[in-house]
Amino acid sequence: MQLTFLGKETQGGGSPTLFATDRGTYVVQGWKVAGHDKIEIPQRLLAHLEPHTYLGTRLSDTGRGTFMLSGAPVTDDVALSQMDIPGHETCVEVPKNEESWFGEPATG
């Protein structure tokens, strides 16, 4: 799996980071939480999503400026070799969904 770096929220190595994949998904790197398929990310990481897309997984607001989310743990050696993941972080793969709008925009 090849990754395209989209953005991160801190300076230096590691840190919550967002990648697009060549499989039409996102890989999200974040802080480990209970459960091997869950991570926590800062809300502002979502600013790096590709235009008109969203993470195709449920986001749980922690009430402290972060979201918790689940996805498939990334085990692909090629993908992992492209990332800098400190011991307190991990990454998951989630669907990349396109925004859908129904109806007309409000006027007036």
PDB file of N, CA and C in Angstrom:
ATOM      1  N   MET A   1       0.855  -1.176   0.000  1.00  0.00           N
ATOM      2  CA  MET A   1       0.000   0.000   0.000  1.00  0.00           C
ATOM      3  C   MET A   1       0.899   1.236   0.000  1.00  0.00           C
ATOM      4  N   GLN A   2       0.683   2.120  -0.952  1.00  0.00           N
ATOM      5  CA  GLN A   2       1.432   3.374  -1.021  1.00  0.00           C
ATOM      6  C   GLN A   2       0.639   4.480  -0.325  1.00  0.00           C
ATOM      7  N   LEU A   3       1.348   5.328   0.405  1.00  0.00           N
ATOM      8  CA  LEU A   3       0.720   6.414   1.152  1.00  0.00           C
ATOM      9  C   LEU A   3       1.096   7.761   0.560  1.00  0.00           C
ATOM     10  N   THR A   4       0.148   8.698   0.635  1.00  0.00           N
ATOM     11  CA  THR A   4       0.395  10.095   0.294  1.00  0.00           C
ATOM     12  C   THR A   4       0.161  10.905   1.555  1.00  0.00           C
ATOM     13  N   PHE A   5       1.187  11.603   2.018  1.00  0.00           N
ATOM     14  CA  PHE A   5       1.084  12.428   3.218  1.00  0.00           C
ATOM     15  C   PHE A   5       0.119  13.576   2.967  1.00  0.00           C
ATOM     16  N   LEU A   6      -0.848  13.752   3.876  1.00  0.00           N
ATOM     17  CA  LEU A   6      -1.805  14.855   3.753  1.00  0.00           C
ATOM     18  C   LEU A   6      -1.594  15.928   4.810  1.00  0.00           C
ATOM     19  N   GLY A   7      -1.126  15.546   5.998  1.00  0.00           N
ATOM     20  CA  GLY A   7      -0.901  16.554   7.023  1.00  0.00           C
ATOM     21  C   GLY A   7      -0.765  15.951   8.400  1.00  0.00           C
ATOM     22  N   LYS A   8      -0.243  16.786   9.312  1.00  0.00           N
ATOM     23  CA  LYS A   8      -0.111  16.395  10.710  1.00  0.00           C
ATOM     24  C   LYS A   8      -0.312  17.623  11.566  1.00  0.00           C
ATOM     25  N   GLU A   9      -0.402  17.423  12.861  1.00  0.00           N
ATOM     26  CA  GLU A   9      -0.744  18.539  13.733  1.00  0.00           C
ATOM     27  C   GLU A   9       0.348  18.972  14.690  1.00  0.00           C
ATOM     28  N   THR A  10       1.526  18.382  14.632  1.00  0.00           N
ATOM     29  CA  THR A  10       2.633  18.852  15.457  1.00  0.00           C
ATOM     30  C   THR A  10       3.912  18.794  14.645  1.00  0.00           C
ATOM     31  N   GLN A  11       4.964  19.352  15.180  1.00  0.00           N
ATOM     32  CA  GLN A  11       6.259  19.373  14.500  1.00  0.00           C
ATOM     33  C   GLN A  11       7.082  18.161  14.911  1.00  0.00           C
ATOM     34  N   GLY A  12       8.068  17.797  14.113  1.00  0.00           N
ATOM     35  CA  GLY A  12       8.961  16.693  14.440  1.00  0.00           C
ATOM     36  C   GLY A  12       8.384  15.361  14.016  1.00  0.00           C
ATOM     37  N   GLY A  13       9.018  14.286  14.448  1.00  0.00           N
ATOM     38  CA  GLY A  13       8.594  12.944  14.070  1.00  0.00           C
ATOM     39  C   GLY A  13       7.334  12.502  14.780  1.00  0.00           C
ATOM     40  N   GLY A  14       6.770  11.423  14.270  1.00  0.00           N
ATOM     41  CA  GLY A  14       5.571  10.863  14.873  1.00  0.00           C
ATOM     42  C   GLY A  14       4.394  11.793  14.748  1.00  0.00           C
ATOM     43  N   SER A  15       3.587  11.844  15.765  1.00  0.00           N
ATOM     44  CA  SER A  15       2.435  12.734  15.867  1.00  0.00           C
ATOM     45  C   SER A  15       1.249  12.241  15.057  1.00  0.00           C
ATOM     46  N   PRO A  16       0.031  12.557  15.490  1.00  0.00           N
ATOM     47  CA  PRO A  16      -1.137  12.202  14.680  1.00  0.00           C
ATOM     48  C   PRO A  16      -0.980  12.747  13.260  1.00  0.00           C
ATOM     49  N   THR A  17      -1.170  11.868  12.299  1.00  0.00           N
ATOM     50  CA  THR A  17      -0.901  12.177  10.899  1.00  0.00           C
ATOM     51  C   THR A  17      -1.975  11.554  10.032  1.00  0.00           C
ATOM     52  N   LEU A  18      -2.253  12.189   8.898  1.00  0.00           N
ATOM     53  CA  LEU A  18      -3.259  11.693   7.965  1.00  0.00           C
ATOM     54  C   LEU A  18      -2.607  11.399   6.618  1.00  0.00           C
ATOM     55  N   PHE A  19      -2.931  10.221   6.073  1.00  0.00           N
ATOM     56  CA  PHE A  19      -2.432   9.792   4.770  1.00  0.00           C
ATOM     57  C   PHE A  19      -3.596   9.331   3.906  1.00  0.00           C
ATOM     58  N   ALA A  20      -3.488   9.535   2.592  1.00  0.00           N
ATOM     59  CA  ALA A  20      -4.380   8.897   1.620  1.00  0.00           C
ATOM     60  C   ALA A  20      -3.633   7.678   1.090  1.00  0.00           C
ATOM     61  N   THR A  21      -4.373   6.643   0.693  1.00  0.00           N
ATOM     62  CA  THR A  21      -3.733   5.438   0.165  1.00  0.00           C
ATOM     63  C   THR A  21      -4.044   5.274  -1.314  1.00  0.00           C
ATOM     64  N   ASP A  22      -3.290   4.395  -1.944  1.00  0.00           N
ATOM     65  CA  ASP A  22      -3.553   4.065  -3.344  1.00  0.00           C
ATOM     66  C   ASP A  22      -4.733   3.109  -3.483  1.00  0.00           C
ATOM     67  N   ARG A  23      -5.383   2.785  -2.363  1.00  0.00           N
ATOM     68  CA  ARG A  23      -6.565   1.911  -2.373  1.00  0.00           C
ATOM     69  C   ARG A  23      -7.859   2.701  -2.191  1.00  0.00           C
ATOM     70  N   GLY A  24      -7.761   4.031  -2.210  1.00  0.00           N
ATOM     71  CA  GLY A  24      -8.955   4.858  -2.045  1.00  0.00           C
ATOM     72  C   GLY A  24      -9.446   4.917  -0.615  1.00  0.00           C
ATOM     73  N   THR A  25      -8.527   4.786   0.341  1.00  0.00           N
ATOM     74  CA  THR A  25      -8.857   4.843   1.761  1.00  0.00           C
ATOM     75  C   THR A  25      -7.963   5.884   2.427  1.00  0.00           C
ATOM     76  N   TYR A  26      -8.190   6.084   3.725  1.00  0.00           N
ATOM     77  CA  TYR A  26      -7.297   6.900   4.536  1.00  0.00           C
ATOM     78  C   TYR A  26      -6.586   6.013   5.548  1.00  0.00           C
ATOM     79  N   VAL A  27      -5.342   6.342   5.859  1.00  0.00           N
ATOM     80  CA  VAL A  27      -4.648   5.789   7.014  1.00  0.00           C
ATOM     81  C   VAL A  27      -4.495   6.937   7.997  1.00  0.00           C
ATOM     82  N   VAL A  28      -4.958   6.699   9.224  1.00  0.00           N
ATOM     83  CA  VAL A  28      -4.937   7.715  10.265  1.00  0.00           C
ATOM     84  C   VAL A  28      -4.016   7.228  11.382  1.00  0.00           C
ATOM     85  N   GLN A  29      -3.009   8.027  11.689  1.00  0.00           N
ATOM     86  CA  GLN A  29      -2.083   7.716  12.781  1.00  0.00           C
ATOM     87  C   GLN A  29      -2.497   8.548  13.980  1.00  0.00           C
ATOM     88  N   GLY A  30      -2.643   7.903  15.135  1.00  0.00           N
ATOM     89  CA  GLY A  30      -3.054   8.621  16.329  1.00  0.00           C
ATOM     90  C   GLY A  30      -2.582   7.936  17.592  1.00  0.00           C
ATOM     91  N   TRP A  31      -3.007   8.483  18.723  1.00  0.00           N
ATOM     92  CA  TRP A  31      -2.602   7.955  20.024  1.00  0.00           C
ATOM     93  C   TRP A  31      -3.352   6.668  20.326  1.00  0.00           C
ATOM     94  N   LYS A  32      -2.651   5.690  20.882  1.00  0.00           N
ATOM     95  CA  LYS A  32      -3.266   4.419  21.261  1.00  0.00           C
ATOM     96  C   LYS A  32      -4.276   4.634  22.385  1.00  0.00           C
ATOM     97  N   VAL A  33      -5.389   3.913  22.312  1.00  0.00           N
ATOM     98  CA  VAL A  33      -6.375   3.864  23.389  1.00  0.00           C
ATOM     99  C   VAL A  33      -6.762   2.400  23.573  1.00  0.00           C
ATOM    100  N   ALA A  34      -7.564   2.117  24.595  1.00  0.00           N
ATOM    101  CA  ALA A  34      -7.991   0.739  24.852  1.00  0.00           C
ATOM    102  C   ALA A  34      -8.665   0.163  23.614  1.00  0.00           C
ATOM    103  N   GLY A  35      -8.303  -1.030  23.254  1.00  0.00           N
ATOM    104  CA  GLY A  35      -8.843  -1.661  22.050  1.00  0.00           C
ATOM    105  C   GLY A  35      -7.830  -1.542  20.937  1.00  0.00           C
ATOM    106  N   HIS A  36      -7.420  -2.645  20.343  1.00  0.00           N
ATOM    107  CA  HIS A  36      -6.333  -2.619  19.362  1.00  0.00           C
ATOM    108  C   HIS A  36      -6.690  -1.896  18.073  1.00  0.00           C
ATOM    109  N   ASP A  37      -7.965  -1.625  17.851  1.00  0.00           N
ATOM    110  CA  ASP A  37      -8.360  -0.971  16.601  1.00  0.00           C
ATOM    111  C   ASP A  37      -8.843   0.456  16.816  1.00  0.00           C
ATOM    112  N   LYS A  38      -8.576   1.043  17.999  1.00  0.00           N
ATOM    113  CA  LYS A  38      -9.018   2.410  18.285  1.00  0.00           C
ATOM    114  C   LYS A  38      -7.826   3.337  18.445  1.00  0.00           C
ATOM    115  N   ILE A  39      -8.031   4.575  17.992  1.00  0.00           N
ATOM    116  CA  ILE A  39      -7.036   5.623  18.189  1.00  0.00           C
ATOM    117  C   ILE A  39      -7.749   6.909  18.578  1.00  0.00           C
ATOM    118  N   GLU A  40      -6.970   7.871  19.069  1.00  0.00           N
ATOM    119  CA  GLU A  40      -7.475   9.205  19.384  1.00  0.00           C
ATOM    120  C   GLU A  40      -6.674  10.200  18.559  1.00  0.00           C
ATOM    121  N   ILE A  41      -7.372  11.173  17.971  1.00  0.00           N
ATOM    122  CA  ILE A  41      -6.723  12.178  17.125  1.00  0.00           C
ATOM    123  C   ILE A  41      -7.228  13.566  17.502  1.00  0.00           C
ATOM    124  N   PRO A  42      -6.417  14.611  17.272  1.00  0.00           N
ATOM    125  CA  PRO A  42      -6.923  15.970  17.477  1.00  0.00           C
ATOM    126  C   PRO A  42      -7.961  16.304  16.407  1.00  0.00           C
ATOM    127  N   GLN A  43      -8.990  17.037  16.793  1.00  0.00           N
ATOM    128  CA  GLN A  43     -10.041  17.404  15.839  1.00  0.00           C
ATOM    129  C   GLN A  43      -9.463  18.137  14.635  1.00  0.00           C
ATOM    130  N   ARG A  44      -8.468  18.971  14.842  1.00  0.00           N
ATOM    131  CA  ARG A  44      -7.925  19.775  13.736  1.00  0.00           C
ATOM    132  C   ARG A  44      -7.207  18.943  12.679  1.00  0.00           C
ATOM    133  N   LEU A  45      -6.915  17.655  12.952  1.00  0.00           N
ATOM    134  CA  LEU A  45      -6.312  16.802  11.926  1.00  0.00           C
ATOM    135  C   LEU A  45      -7.257  16.637  10.737  1.00  0.00           C
ATOM    136  N   LEU A  46      -8.559  16.749  10.982  1.00  0.00           N
ATOM    137  CA  LEU A  46      -9.545  16.588   9.908  1.00  0.00           C
ATOM    138  C   LEU A  46      -9.438  17.687   8.850  1.00  0.00           C
ATOM    139  N   ALA A  47      -8.784  18.790   9.169  1.00  0.00           N
ATOM    140  CA  ALA A  47      -8.588  19.869   8.186  1.00  0.00           C
ATOM    141  C   ALA A  47      -7.735  19.405   7.006  1.00  0.00           C
ATOM    142  N   HIS A  48      -7.037  18.290   7.155  1.00  0.00           N
ATOM    143  CA  HIS A  48      -6.154  17.788   6.099  1.00  0.00           C
ATOM    144  C   HIS A  48      -6.825  16.762   5.185  1.00  0.00           C
ATOM    145  N   LEU A  49      -8.103  16.479   5.405  1.00  0.00           N
ATOM    146  CA  LEU A  49      -8.819  15.557   4.517  1.00  0.00           C
ATOM    147  C   LEU A  49      -8.847  16.107   3.100  1.00  0.00           C
ATOM    148  N   GLU A  50      -8.878  15.221   2.120  1.00  0.00           N
ATOM    149  CA  GLU A  50      -9.011  15.663   0.735  1.00  0.00           C
ATOM    150  C   GLU A  50     -10.362  16.353   0.566  1.00  0.00           C
ATOM    151  N   PRO A  51     -10.447  17.354  -0.332  1.00  0.00           N
ATOM    152  CA  PRO A  51     -11.698  18.101  -0.506  1.00  0.00           C
ATOM    153  C   PRO A  51     -12.886  17.180  -0.790  1.00  0.00           C
ATOM    154  N   HIS A  52     -13.996  17.513  -0.177  1.00  0.00           N
ATOM    155  CA  HIS A  52     -15.279  16.839  -0.391  1.00  0.00           C
ATOM    156  C   HIS A  52     -15.271  15.371   0.027  1.00  0.00           C
ATOM    157  N   THR A  53     -14.405  15.028   0.990  1.00  0.00           N
ATOM    158  CA  THR A  53     -14.388  13.668   1.526  1.00  0.00           C
ATOM    159  C   THR A  53     -14.481  13.727   3.047  1.00  0.00           C
ATOM    160  N   TYR A  54     -14.724  12.563   3.638  1.00  0.00           N
ATOM    161  CA  TYR A  54     -14.730  12.454   5.093  1.00  0.00           C
ATOM    162  C   TYR A  54     -14.289  11.055   5.487  1.00  0.00           C
ATOM    163  N   LEU A  55     -13.909  10.897   6.759  1.00  0.00           N
ATOM    164  CA  LEU A  55     -13.528   9.586   7.261  1.00  0.00           C
ATOM    165  C   LEU A  55     -14.774   8.718   7.354  1.00  0.00           C
ATOM    166  N   GLY A  56     -14.741   7.561   6.736  1.00  0.00           N
ATOM    167  CA  GLY A  56     -15.894   6.666   6.722  1.00  0.00           C
ATOM    168  C   GLY A  56     -15.948   5.777   7.947  1.00  0.00           C
ATOM    169  N   THR A  57     -15.887   6.391   9.110  1.00  0.00           N
ATOM    170  CA  THR A  57     -15.986   5.682  10.376  1.00  0.00           C
ATOM    171  C   THR A  57     -16.599   6.618  11.401  1.00  0.00           C
ATOM    172  N   ARG A  58     -17.141   6.055  12.455  1.00  0.00           N
ATOM    173  CA  ARG A  58     -17.770   6.868  13.498  1.00  0.00           C
ATOM    174  C   ARG A  58     -16.696   7.591  14.312  1.00  0.00           C
ATOM    175  N   LEU A  59     -16.890   8.890  14.505  1.00  0.00           N
ATOM    176  CA  LEU A  59     -16.006   9.695  15.344  1.00  0.00           C
ATOM    177  C   LEU A  59     -16.715   9.965  16.663  1.00  0.00           C
ATOM    178  N   SER A  60     -16.059   9.663  17.771  1.00  0.00           N
ATOM    179  CA  SER A  60     -16.625   9.923  19.094  1.00  0.00           C
ATOM    180  C   SER A  60     -15.895  11.111  19.700  1.00  0.00           C
ATOM    181  N   ASP A  61     -16.632  12.191  19.952  1.00  0.00           N
ATOM    182  CA  ASP A  61     -16.055  13.406  20.523  1.00  0.00           C
ATOM    183  C   ASP A  61     -15.726  13.161  21.994  1.00  0.00           C
ATOM    184  N   THR A  62     -14.471  13.386  22.376  1.00  0.00           N
ATOM    185  CA  THR A  62     -14.052  13.163  23.758  1.00  0.00           C
ATOM    186  C   THR A  62     -14.396  14.341  24.666  1.00  0.00           C
ATOM    187  N   GLY A  63     -14.749  15.489  24.077  1.00  0.00           N
ATOM    188  CA  GLY A  63     -15.031  16.674  24.869  1.00  0.00           C
ATOM    189  C   GLY A  63     -13.782  17.452  25.249  1.00  0.00           C
ATOM    190  N   ARG A  64     -12.638  17.066  24.710  1.00  0.00           N
ATOM    191  CA  ARG A  64     -11.389  17.772  25.020  1.00  0.00           C
ATOM    192  C   ARG A  64     -10.588  18.104  23.761  1.00  0.00           C
ATOM    193  N   GLY A  65     -11.306  18.301  22.652  1.00  0.00           N
ATOM    194  CA  GLY A  65     -10.640  18.689  21.409  1.00  0.00           C
ATOM    195  C   GLY A  65     -10.093  17.534  20.600  1.00  0.00           C
ATOM    196  N   THR A  66     -10.541  16.320  20.933  1.00  0.00           N
ATOM    197  CA  THR A  66     -10.086  15.144  20.197  1.00  0.00           C
ATOM    198  C   THR A  66     -11.273  14.248  19.854  1.00  0.00           C
ATOM    199  N   PHE A  67     -11.041  13.365  18.893  1.00  0.00           N
ATOM    200  CA  PHE A  67     -12.005  12.327  18.535  1.00  0.00           C
ATOM    201  C   PHE A  67     -11.360  10.965  18.746  1.00  0.00           C
ATOM    202  N   MET A  68     -12.182   9.968  19.100  1.00  0.00           N
ATOM    203  CA  MET A  68     -11.749   8.578  19.072  1.00  0.00           C
ATOM    204  C   MET A  68     -12.407   7.930  17.869  1.00  0.00           C
ATOM    205  N   LEU A  69     -11.673   7.026  17.205  1.00  0.00           N
ATOM    206  CA  LEU A  69     -12.213   6.338  16.039  1.00  0.00           C
ATOM    207  C   LEU A  69     -11.619   4.943  15.941  1.00  0.00           C
ATOM    208  N   SER A  70     -12.304   4.093  15.194  1.00  0.00           N
ATOM    209  CA  SER A  70     -11.863   2.716  14.973  1.00  0.00           C
ATOM    210  C   SER A  70     -11.612   2.496  13.499  1.00  0.00           C
ATOM    211  N   GLY A  71     -10.772   1.534  13.214  1.00  0.00           N
ATOM    212  CA  GLY A  71     -10.498   1.138  11.844  1.00  0.00           C
ATOM    213  C   GLY A  71      -9.734  -0.164  11.835  1.00  0.00           C
ATOM    214  N   ALA A  72      -9.339  -0.588  10.657  1.00  0.00           N
ATOM    215  CA  ALA A  72      -8.558  -1.814  10.517  1.00  0.00           C
ATOM    216  C   ALA A  72      -7.096  -1.508  10.836  1.00  0.00           C
ATOM    217  N   PRO A  73      -6.495  -2.227  11.786  1.00  0.00           N
ATOM    218  CA  PRO A  73      -5.080  -1.989  12.075  1.00  0.00           C
ATOM    219  C   PRO A  73      -4.231  -2.160  10.814  1.00  0.00           C
ATOM    220  N   VAL A  74      -3.292  -1.255  10.603  1.00  0.00           N
ATOM    221  CA  VAL A  74      -2.416  -1.327   9.429  1.00  0.00           C
ATOM    222  C   VAL A  74      -1.286  -2.306   9.731  1.00  0.00           C
ATOM    223  N   THR A  75      -1.168  -3.337   8.894  1.00  0.00           N
ATOM    224  CA  THR A  75      -0.118  -4.347   9.050  1.00  0.00           C
ATOM    225  C   THR A  75       0.772  -4.431   7.817  1.00  0.00           C
ATOM    226  N   ASP A  76       0.454  -3.670   6.788  1.00  0.00           N
ATOM    227  CA  ASP A  76       1.194  -3.687   5.528  1.00  0.00           C
ATOM    228  C   ASP A  76       2.603  -3.130   5.743  1.00  0.00           C
ATOM    229  N   ASP A  77       3.626  -3.957   5.506  1.00  0.00           N
ATOM    230  CA  ASP A  77       5.010  -3.544   5.745  1.00  0.00           C
ATOM    231  C   ASP A  77       5.425  -2.351   4.893  1.00  0.00           C
ATOM    232  N   VAL A  78       4.953  -2.288   3.655  1.00  0.00           N
ATOM    233  CA  VAL A  78       5.299  -1.161   2.777  1.00  0.00           C
ATOM    234  C   VAL A  78       4.737   0.136   3.353  1.00  0.00           C
ATOM    235  N   ALA A  79       3.486   0.112   3.791  1.00  0.00           N
ATOM    236  CA  ALA A  79       2.876   1.308   4.383  1.00  0.00           C
ATOM    237  C   ALA A  79       3.587   1.697   5.673  1.00  0.00           C
ATOM    238  N   LEU A  80       3.829   0.728   6.537  1.00  0.00           N
ATOM    239  CA  LEU A  80       4.459   1.028   7.822  1.00  0.00           C
ATOM    240  C   LEU A  80       5.867   1.591   7.643  1.00  0.00           C
ATOM    241  N   SER A  81       6.569   1.177   6.593  1.00  0.00           N
ATOM    242  CA  SER A  81       7.926   1.683   6.355  1.00  0.00           C
ATOM    243  C   SER A  81       7.926   3.149   5.929  1.00  0.00           C
ATOM    244  N   GLN A  82       6.778   3.666   5.507  1.00  0.00           N
ATOM    245  CA  GLN A  82       6.659   5.059   5.075  1.00  0.00           C
ATOM    246  C   GLN A  82       6.284   5.993   6.224  1.00  0.00           C
ATOM    247  N   MET A  83       6.076   5.415   7.422  1.00  0.00           N
ATOM    248  CA  MET A  83       5.569   6.187   8.551  1.00  0.00           C
ATOM    249  C   MET A  83       6.583   6.218   9.687  1.00  0.00           C
ATOM    250  N   ASP A  84       6.471   7.255  10.525  1.00  0.00           N
ATOM    251  CA  ASP A  84       7.265   7.380  11.746  1.00  0.00           C
ATOM    252  C   ASP A  84       6.283   7.252  12.901  1.00  0.00           C
ATOM    253  N   ILE A  85       6.226   6.071  13.526  1.00  0.00           N
ATOM    254  CA  ILE A  85       5.216   5.806  14.549  1.00  0.00           C
ATOM    255  C   ILE A  85       5.895   5.572  15.897  1.00  0.00           C
ATOM    256  N   PRO A  86       5.793   6.535  16.827  1.00  0.00           N
ATOM    257  CA  PRO A  86       6.353   6.317  18.159  1.00  0.00           C
ATOM    258  C   PRO A  86       5.548   5.249  18.915  1.00  0.00           C
ATOM    259  N   GLY A  87       6.112   4.736  19.990  1.00  0.00           N
ATOM    260  CA  GLY A  87       5.505   3.637  20.731  1.00  0.00           C
ATOM    261  C   GLY A  87       4.130   3.907  21.306  1.00  0.00           C
ATOM    262  N   HIS A  88       3.789   5.166  21.560  1.00  0.00           N
ATOM    263  CA  HIS A  88       2.485   5.494  22.149  1.00  0.00           C
ATOM    264  C   HIS A  88       1.414   5.752  21.080  1.00  0.00           C
ATOM    265  N   GLU A  89       1.761   5.521  19.811  1.00  0.00           N
ATOM    266  CA  GLU A  89       0.824   5.731  18.710  1.00  0.00           C
ATOM    267  C   GLU A  89       0.680   4.460  17.883  1.00  0.00           C
ATOM    268  N   THR A  90      -0.370   4.420  17.076  1.00  0.00           N
ATOM    269  CA  THR A  90      -0.592   3.350  16.118  1.00  0.00           C
ATOM    270  C   THR A  90      -1.386   3.935  14.959  1.00  0.00           C
ATOM    271  N   CYS A  91      -1.729   3.110  13.979  1.00  0.00           N
ATOM    272  CA  CYS A  91      -2.482   3.629  12.842  1.00  0.00           C
ATOM    273  C   CYS A  91      -3.535   2.627  12.393  1.00  0.00           C
ATOM    274  N   VAL A  92      -4.599   3.171  11.818  1.00  0.00           N
ATOM    275  CA  VAL A  92      -5.702   2.366  11.306  1.00  0.00           C
ATOM    276  C   VAL A  92      -6.062   2.847   9.906  1.00  0.00           C
ATOM    277  N   GLU A  93      -6.633   1.941   9.137  1.00  0.00           N
ATOM    278  CA  GLU A  93      -7.130   2.272   7.799  1.00  0.00           C
ATOM    279  C   GLU A  93      -8.643   2.382   7.873  1.00  0.00           C
ATOM    280  N   VAL A  94      -9.175   3.450   7.289  1.00  0.00           N
ATOM    281  CA  VAL A  94     -10.623   3.680   7.285  1.00  0.00           C
ATOM    282  C   VAL A  94     -11.067   4.043   5.868  1.00  0.00           C
ATOM    283  N   PRO A  95     -12.341   3.827   5.556  1.00  0.00           N
ATOM    284  CA  PRO A  95     -12.834   4.209   4.231  1.00  0.00           C
ATOM    285  C   PRO A  95     -12.724   5.720   4.008  1.00  0.00           C
ATOM    286  N   LYS A  96     -12.517   6.094   2.752  1.00  0.00           N
ATOM    287  CA  LYS A  96     -12.583   7.497   2.340  1.00  0.00           C
ATOM    288  C   LYS A  96     -13.916   7.656   1.628  1.00  0.00           C
ATOM    289  N   ASN A  97     -14.828   8.377   2.239  1.00  0.00           N
ATOM    290  CA  ASN A  97     -16.158   8.560   1.662  1.00  0.00           C
ATOM    291  C   ASN A  97     -16.297   9.941   1.046  1.00  0.00           C
ATOM    292  N   GLU A  98     -17.094  10.009  -0.015  1.00  0.00           N
ATOM    293  CA  GLU A  98     -17.380  11.275  -0.696  1.00  0.00           C
ATOM    294  C   GLU A  98     -18.600  11.932  -0.059  1.00  0.00           C
ATOM    295  N   GLU A  99     -18.547  13.252   0.088  1.00  0.00           N
ATOM    296  CA  GLU A  99     -19.713  13.982   0.584  1.00  0.00           C
ATOM    297  C   GLU A  99     -20.867  13.832  -0.394  1.00  0.00           C
ATOM    298  N   SER A 100     -22.065  13.717   0.132  1.00  0.00           N
ATOM    299  CA  SER A 100     -23.286  13.679  -0.683  1.00  0.00           C
ATOM    300  C   SER A 100     -24.223  14.755  -0.170  1.00  0.00           C
ATOM    301  N   TRP A 101     -24.724  15.562  -1.078  1.00  0.00           N
ATOM    302  CA  TRP A 101     -25.654  16.626  -0.704  1.00  0.00           C
ATOM    303  C   TRP A 101     -26.994  16.344  -1.351  1.00  0.00           C
ATOM    304  N   PHE A 102     -28.048  16.454  -0.575  1.00  0.00           N
ATOM    305  CA  PHE A 102     -29.398  16.235  -1.074  1.00  0.00           C
ATOM    306  C   PHE A 102     -30.146  17.555  -1.029  1.00  0.00           C
ATOM    307  N   GLY A 103     -30.881  17.850  -2.081  1.00  0.00           N
ATOM    308  CA  GLY A 103     -31.644  19.088  -2.112  1.00  0.00           C
ATOM    309  C   GLY A 103     -30.810  20.250  -2.602  1.00  0.00           C
ATOM    310  N   GLU A 104     -31.364  21.423  -2.458  1.00  0.00           N
ATOM    311  CA  GLU A 104     -30.735  22.653  -2.927  1.00  0.00           C
ATOM    312  C   GLU A 104     -30.196  23.442  -1.742  1.00  0.00           C
ATOM    313  N   PRO A 105     -29.145  24.226  -1.966  1.00  0.00           N
ATOM    314  CA  PRO A 105     -28.645  25.068  -0.880  1.00  0.00           C
ATOM    315  C   PRO A 105     -29.687  26.116  -0.493  1.00  0.00           C
ATOM    316  N   ALA A 106     -29.651  26.508   0.760  1.00  0.00           N
ATOM    317  CA  ALA A 106     -30.565  27.539   1.246  1.00  0.00           C
ATOM    318  C   ALA A 106     -30.230  28.872   0.590  1.00  0.00           C
ATOM    319  N   THR A 107     -31.243  29.680   0.316  1.00  0.00           N
ATOM    320  CA  THR A 107     -31.035  31.007  -0.258  1.00  0.00           C
ATOM    321  C   THR A 107     -31.658  32.047   0.652  1.00  0.00           C
ATOM    322  N   GLY A 108     -31.204  33.282   0.469  1.00  0.00           N
ATOM    323  CA  GLY A 108     -31.839  34.382   1.169  1.00  0.00           C
ATOM    324  C   GLY A 108     -31.182  34.757   2.375  1.00  0.00           C
TER     325      GLY A 108
END
